Protein backbone atom coordinates (compact mmCIF):
# COMPACT_ATOMS: atom_id res chain seq x y z
CA MET A 1 10.78 -67.02 -58.88
CA SER A 2 10.60 -63.49 -59.16
CA VAL A 3 13.05 -60.91 -57.14
CA PRO A 4 11.09 -58.47 -55.35
CA ASP A 5 11.40 -55.09 -55.89
CA PRO A 6 13.67 -53.67 -53.46
CA ILE A 7 12.09 -50.09 -53.23
CA ALA A 8 8.47 -51.73 -52.77
CA LEU A 9 9.68 -52.95 -49.96
CA GLN A 10 11.25 -49.88 -48.13
CA PRO A 11 8.71 -48.58 -45.68
CA PRO A 12 6.85 -45.04 -46.76
CA PRO A 13 8.39 -42.09 -45.73
CA CYS A 14 5.37 -40.54 -44.22
CA GLU A 15 3.45 -42.10 -41.43
CA PRO A 16 -0.83 -41.79 -42.30
CA SER A 17 -1.83 -39.39 -39.13
CA ASP A 18 1.53 -37.13 -40.55
CA SER A 19 -0.03 -34.51 -42.43
CA TRP A 20 2.99 -32.31 -42.61
CA CYS A 21 5.02 -34.97 -43.61
CA ARG A 22 2.29 -36.22 -46.85
CA THR A 23 2.36 -32.17 -47.70
CA VAL A 24 5.43 -31.48 -47.95
CA LEU A 25 6.32 -34.56 -49.54
CA GLU A 26 3.32 -33.65 -52.15
CA VAL A 27 4.47 -30.12 -52.83
CA THR A 28 8.30 -30.97 -53.02
CA ASN A 29 8.95 -35.07 -53.89
CA ASN A 30 11.69 -34.92 -51.50
CA GLN A 31 11.60 -37.81 -49.18
CA TRP A 32 14.61 -36.03 -46.34
CA LEU A 33 12.42 -32.46 -46.35
CA ALA A 34 8.91 -34.61 -45.82
CA THR A 35 10.44 -36.85 -42.97
CA SER A 36 11.96 -33.13 -41.17
CA ALA A 37 9.02 -31.54 -41.82
CA ASP A 38 7.58 -31.08 -37.99
CA TRP A 39 11.36 -29.85 -37.26
CA LEU A 40 11.69 -27.32 -40.02
CA LEU A 41 7.87 -26.62 -40.14
CA ALA A 42 5.68 -27.42 -37.24
CA THR A 43 7.69 -27.08 -34.64
CA PRO A 44 8.68 -23.08 -35.29
CA ILE A 45 5.22 -22.49 -36.05
CA THR A 46 3.92 -24.36 -32.64
CA ILE A 47 6.49 -21.91 -30.95
CA LEU A 48 5.67 -18.87 -32.70
CA LEU A 49 1.98 -19.28 -31.80
CA ILE A 50 2.57 -19.89 -27.86
CA LEU A 51 4.84 -16.91 -27.61
CA VAL A 52 2.08 -14.88 -29.70
CA VAL A 53 -0.77 -16.04 -27.29
CA ALA A 54 1.43 -15.60 -24.44
CA PHE A 55 2.03 -12.03 -25.54
CA VAL A 56 -1.49 -11.29 -26.18
CA LEU A 57 -2.91 -12.83 -23.21
CA ARG A 58 -0.18 -10.99 -21.25
CA LEU A 59 -1.44 -7.63 -22.95
CA LEU A 60 -4.98 -8.41 -22.27
CA VAL A 61 -4.96 -9.15 -18.82
CA HIS A 62 -2.51 -5.64 -17.85
CA ARG A 63 -4.72 -3.68 -19.69
CA LEU A 64 -7.45 -5.34 -17.43
CA ILE A 65 -5.82 -4.75 -14.47
CA ASP A 66 -5.32 -0.93 -15.54
CA ARG A 67 -8.87 -0.31 -15.98
CA LEU A 68 -9.26 -1.40 -12.66
CA THR A 69 -7.06 0.61 -11.21
CA ARG A 70 -8.14 3.56 -12.84
CA ASP A 71 -10.27 6.03 -11.43
CA ASN A 72 -12.61 7.46 -14.00
CA ASN A 73 -15.13 7.91 -11.88
CA GLY A 74 -14.51 11.51 -10.35
CA GLY A 75 -12.87 10.40 -7.46
CA LYS A 76 -14.59 7.45 -6.68
CA ILE A 77 -12.55 4.28 -5.35
CA PRO A 78 -11.14 2.44 -8.11
CA ALA A 79 -12.86 -0.74 -8.82
CA LEU A 80 -9.52 -2.97 -7.80
CA LEU A 81 -9.94 -1.66 -3.98
CA ARG A 82 -13.82 -2.10 -3.66
CA PRO A 83 -13.57 -5.39 -2.40
CA LEU A 84 -10.49 -4.36 0.33
CA ARG A 85 -10.88 -2.42 3.47
CA GLU A 86 -10.47 0.91 3.35
CA ARG A 87 -9.24 2.89 6.27
CA ALA A 88 -8.85 6.47 4.62
CA PRO A 89 -9.74 9.61 6.79
CA GLN A 90 -12.25 11.29 4.94
CA ALA A 91 -9.99 14.72 6.11
CA LEU A 92 -7.47 14.39 3.58
CA GLY A 93 -9.83 15.78 1.28
CA GLN A 94 -7.40 15.67 -1.98
CA LEU A 95 -4.68 13.21 -0.53
CA LEU A 96 -7.32 10.95 -0.78
CA SER A 97 -7.84 10.57 -3.95
CA GLU A 98 -4.16 10.24 -4.36
CA ARG A 99 -3.54 7.96 -1.68
CA ARG A 100 -6.23 5.54 -3.55
CA ALA A 101 -4.78 5.98 -6.42
CA GLN A 102 -1.05 5.51 -5.43
CA ARG A 103 -2.61 2.10 -3.62
CA ALA A 104 -4.32 1.10 -6.64
CA ARG A 105 -1.30 1.67 -8.85
CA THR A 106 0.90 -0.21 -6.17
CA ILE A 107 -1.28 -3.74 -5.81
CA GLY A 108 -2.05 -3.58 -9.60
CA SER A 109 1.67 -3.47 -10.35
CA VAL A 110 2.02 -6.50 -8.39
CA PHE A 111 -1.19 -8.42 -9.79
CA LYS A 112 0.99 -7.67 -13.40
CA SER A 113 4.04 -9.10 -12.26
CA ILE A 114 2.45 -12.05 -11.34
CA THR A 115 0.57 -12.64 -14.25
CA SER A 116 3.97 -11.82 -16.74
CA VAL A 117 5.59 -14.23 -14.56
CA ILE A 118 2.43 -17.41 -14.42
CA VAL A 119 2.20 -15.98 -18.51
CA TYR A 120 5.59 -15.87 -19.74
CA GLY A 121 6.86 -19.19 -17.53
CA LEU A 122 4.12 -21.43 -18.63
CA ALA A 123 4.86 -20.03 -22.44
CA PHE A 124 8.36 -21.13 -21.55
CA MET A 125 8.17 -24.48 -20.02
CA MET A 126 5.90 -25.39 -23.14
CA VAL A 127 8.23 -24.07 -25.49
CA LEU A 128 10.99 -26.53 -24.34
CA ALA A 129 8.18 -29.47 -24.19
CA GLU A 130 8.32 -28.57 -28.08
CA LEU A 131 12.14 -28.60 -28.09
CA GLY A 132 11.94 -32.24 -27.02
CA VAL A 133 13.68 -31.01 -23.95
CA ASN A 134 13.43 -33.18 -20.43
CA LEU A 135 11.52 -30.58 -18.17
CA ALA A 136 11.68 -32.81 -14.72
CA PRO A 137 15.81 -31.53 -14.43
CA VAL A 138 14.62 -28.14 -15.33
CA LEU A 139 12.04 -27.54 -12.75
CA ALA A 140 14.33 -29.44 -10.24
CA SER A 141 17.16 -27.21 -10.99
CA ALA A 142 14.35 -23.93 -10.94
CA GLY A 143 13.55 -25.25 -7.53
CA ILE A 144 16.86 -25.05 -5.97
CA LEU A 145 17.69 -21.64 -7.85
CA GLY A 146 15.08 -20.31 -6.28
CA VAL A 147 15.92 -21.46 -2.66
CA ALA A 148 19.21 -20.04 -3.37
CA ILE A 149 17.93 -16.86 -3.91
CA GLY A 150 15.35 -16.91 -1.54
CA PHE A 151 18.35 -17.31 1.20
CA GLY A 152 20.43 -14.89 -0.25
CA ALA A 153 17.94 -12.04 -0.57
CA GLN A 154 15.57 -12.56 2.81
CA ASN A 155 15.34 -9.09 3.32
CA LEU A 156 14.55 -7.90 -0.12
CA VAL A 157 11.49 -10.97 -0.45
CA ARG A 158 10.75 -10.09 3.84
CA ASP A 159 10.46 -6.34 2.53
CA PHE A 160 8.37 -7.25 -0.46
CA LEU A 161 5.63 -9.45 1.66
CA SER A 162 5.49 -6.83 4.46
CA GLY A 163 4.74 -4.08 1.75
CA VAL A 164 2.10 -6.69 0.03
CA PHE A 165 0.45 -7.03 3.00
CA MET A 166 0.48 -3.42 4.35
CA MET A 167 -1.16 -2.46 0.88
CA LEU A 168 -3.66 -4.99 1.28
CA GLU A 169 -5.17 -4.04 4.63
CA ASP A 170 -4.00 -0.37 3.99
CA GLN A 171 -2.58 0.19 7.35
CA TYR A 172 -1.55 3.68 6.35
CA GLY A 173 -1.04 5.40 3.26
CA VAL A 174 -0.07 9.21 1.59
CA GLY A 175 -1.08 11.93 3.87
CA ASP A 176 -1.50 9.44 7.23
CA VAL A 177 0.17 10.69 9.82
CA VAL A 178 2.59 7.58 11.95
CA ASP A 179 4.65 6.71 14.12
CA VAL A 180 6.59 3.73 12.78
CA GLY A 181 9.13 3.37 16.02
CA GLU A 182 12.70 5.32 14.48
CA ALA A 183 10.95 7.67 12.72
CA SER A 184 7.57 9.31 12.46
CA GLY A 185 5.83 11.73 10.63
CA THR A 186 3.53 12.11 7.51
CA VAL A 187 3.62 9.58 4.73
CA GLU A 188 4.37 10.82 1.35
CA ALA A 189 4.75 7.67 -0.72
CA VAL A 190 4.36 4.21 -0.23
CA GLY A 191 5.77 1.25 -2.41
CA LEU A 192 6.30 -2.37 -1.97
CA ARG A 193 9.97 -2.07 0.09
CA ILE A 194 10.21 1.56 0.79
CA THR A 195 7.63 3.79 2.83
CA THR A 196 8.95 7.59 2.79
CA LEU A 197 7.99 9.85 5.62
CA ARG A 198 8.37 13.17 6.38
CA ASP A 199 8.75 14.75 10.16
CA VAL A 200 7.82 18.07 11.77
CA ASN A 201 11.50 19.49 10.64
CA GLY A 202 11.22 18.77 7.26
CA THR A 203 13.68 15.62 7.16
CA VAL A 204 12.98 12.49 4.70
CA TRP A 205 13.01 9.13 6.24
CA TYR A 206 13.07 6.54 3.78
CA VAL A 207 12.05 2.76 5.75
CA ARG A 208 11.93 -0.38 4.54
CA ASN A 209 8.40 -2.34 5.21
CA GLY A 210 10.33 -5.06 6.75
CA GLU A 211 11.92 -3.38 9.53
CA ILE A 212 8.80 -1.91 10.36
CA LEU A 213 7.17 -3.67 13.86
CA ARG A 214 4.40 -1.75 14.53
CA VAL A 215 2.64 1.32 13.28
CA GLY A 216 1.31 3.61 15.03
CA ASN A 217 -1.10 5.68 12.56
CA LYS A 218 -3.01 8.77 14.09
CA SER A 219 -5.22 9.72 11.12
CA GLN A 220 -7.60 6.64 11.32
CA GLY A 221 -11.58 7.10 12.19
CA PHE A 222 -11.09 10.01 14.57
CA ALA A 223 -8.67 11.73 16.89
CA VAL A 224 -8.59 13.17 20.41
CA ALA A 225 -7.79 16.56 20.93
CA VAL A 226 -6.14 16.97 24.91
CA VAL A 227 -5.45 20.45 26.03
CA ASP A 228 -3.67 20.51 29.37
CA VAL A 229 -3.93 24.42 31.30
CA PRO A 230 -1.81 24.51 34.24
CA ILE A 231 -3.04 27.41 36.60
CA ALA A 232 -1.59 28.50 40.20
CA TYR A 233 -1.70 27.21 43.68
CA GLY A 234 -4.55 28.82 45.19
CA SER A 235 -6.76 29.51 42.28
CA ASP A 236 -10.70 28.89 42.41
CA VAL A 237 -10.38 25.58 40.37
CA GLY A 238 -14.48 25.76 40.06
CA GLN A 239 -14.39 28.90 38.50
CA ALA A 240 -11.52 27.85 36.64
CA THR A 241 -13.17 24.40 35.42
CA ASP A 242 -16.37 26.29 34.70
CA ILE A 243 -14.50 28.94 32.62
CA LEU A 244 -12.61 25.65 30.54
CA GLY A 245 -16.22 24.39 29.55
CA GLU A 246 -17.44 27.22 28.28
CA VAL A 247 -14.49 28.54 26.44
CA ALA A 248 -14.43 25.13 24.74
CA THR A 249 -18.01 24.34 24.24
CA ALA A 250 -18.32 28.14 22.55
CA ALA A 251 -15.11 28.02 20.83
CA THR A 252 -16.09 24.27 19.05
CA GLU A 253 -19.29 25.44 17.92
CA GLN A 254 -17.71 28.04 15.97
CA GLU A 255 -15.70 28.01 12.69
CA PRO A 256 -13.07 26.77 11.74
CA LEU A 257 -12.77 24.52 14.69
CA SER A 258 -16.58 23.40 14.19
CA GLU A 259 -15.78 21.74 11.07
CA ASP A 260 -13.53 19.45 12.64
CA VAL A 261 -14.97 18.56 15.72
CA LEU A 262 -17.09 14.99 16.15
CA GLU A 263 -18.55 15.28 19.69
CA PRO A 264 -19.01 18.27 22.12
CA PRO A 265 -15.96 18.64 24.48
CA GLU A 266 -15.59 16.93 27.40
CA VAL A 267 -13.57 18.55 30.96
CA LEU A 268 -11.96 15.87 33.09
CA GLY A 269 -10.48 18.32 35.68
CA VAL A 270 -8.10 18.31 37.57
CA GLU A 271 -5.33 15.94 35.71
CA ARG A 272 -2.06 16.38 37.98
CA VAL A 273 -0.46 18.62 40.41
CA SER A 274 3.14 19.46 41.13
CA ALA A 275 5.58 21.86 42.19
CA ALA A 276 6.22 22.96 38.70
CA GLU A 277 3.20 22.97 37.04
CA GLY A 278 1.09 23.96 39.83
CA ILE A 279 -2.43 22.25 39.08
CA MET A 280 -3.51 20.97 35.71
CA LEU A 281 -6.62 20.85 33.90
CA ARG A 282 -7.54 18.73 31.05
CA LEU A 283 -9.83 18.91 28.37
CA THR A 284 -10.96 16.36 25.92
CA VAL A 285 -12.34 16.74 22.33
CA LYS A 286 -13.08 14.32 19.46
CA VAL A 287 -11.89 15.77 16.49
CA ARG A 288 -11.56 14.63 12.90
CA PRO A 289 -8.46 12.27 12.60
CA GLY A 290 -5.23 14.69 11.90
CA ARG A 291 -6.98 17.76 13.16
CA GLN A 292 -5.91 17.42 17.24
CA TRP A 293 -2.81 19.54 16.79
CA SER A 294 -4.86 22.26 14.92
CA ALA A 295 -7.46 22.06 17.99
CA GLN A 296 -5.39 21.75 20.73
CA ARG A 297 -3.39 25.00 19.73
CA THR A 298 -7.19 27.18 18.88
CA LEU A 299 -8.56 25.89 22.31
CA ARG A 300 -4.98 26.56 24.76
CA ALA A 301 -4.94 30.12 23.01
CA LYS A 302 -8.60 30.76 23.94
CA VAL A 303 -8.56 29.06 27.27
CA MET A 304 -5.41 30.75 28.41
CA GLU A 305 -7.10 34.18 26.72
CA ALA A 306 -10.24 33.83 29.51
CA PHE A 307 -8.38 32.68 32.22
CA GLU A 308 -6.69 36.01 32.27
CA ASP A 309 -9.76 37.81 31.79
CA GLY A 310 -10.96 35.73 34.79
CA GLY A 311 -8.15 36.33 37.07
CA ILE A 312 -7.02 32.93 37.46
CA ARG A 313 -2.84 33.06 37.17
CA GLY A 314 -0.60 30.24 35.79
CA PRO A 315 2.01 28.84 38.23
CA VAL A 316 4.84 31.00 38.67
CA ALA A 317 7.55 28.74 37.50
CA MET A 318 6.27 28.72 34.15
CA GLY A 319 6.83 32.65 34.34
CA PHE A 320 3.21 33.77 35.38
CA PRO A 321 3.26 36.56 37.35
CA PRO A 322 2.15 35.40 41.20
CA PRO A 323 -1.70 36.02 42.23
CA GLU A 324 -2.45 39.37 43.36
CA GLN A 325 -2.32 39.42 47.42
């Protein structure tokens, strides 16, 4: 009876489907290297391939976002903003393109950050899977860590989310005159966390987006120039009203007011009567957004000059001479 060869009874070092093992065994004739081929060659090459694909994919998506946020068409709306609603007033002029560019860059940065987190996050999970790490505890730990960070940085998260929705809805932008409660002024910069305002005194205000509960935007759609003109008791209200309408109509038909006026002026008549202010007449004009203050100053100066020429005096309490007896 022949004794079986113990070497012949040993299992083959490589499985039939393991191409890496068979290739290394044929080249080196070393069983240890052949059985470790997956760990020494296949796994590093797979991990390297995952990282390269993730890097290239992120780079391509970022370049696509840059193309969508870039304005190459002579001041037209960037492609990324076209599906979104825009409330920017055309009266901004050169600031309009800056407003759109800043809004597009900010939204694009959000999309870039989301893309980076998703792509690199998936790549990290795939690398751990290649290394044989059980992903269930990792995902559970990441969830707990995310909840802890969320509780610890509530204000930062709130500022960020408020900034995202403000950008998407175009509530305000560069060049708008807004009132956000504690501060009001012209918007100089808009970010995901901070909005920068400059008031009429030149003071710069930095307002956290998460602290803004309501916004009054004075630069959207149209504005109304409200002109209140006081006259003294005993003045001819009918004559004053006629002069007010004639002067306002003539002024709004001439430059520079004609470029800002959207509708003919409307004389509302007597607004109020008081001992200190006398009789207050009110005139309103619909103008382009942001131009109401300039229109008010121009109209008020012309109306007061016309009243002086027509013999209609202002109240004594405001320093005007009393009417002639």
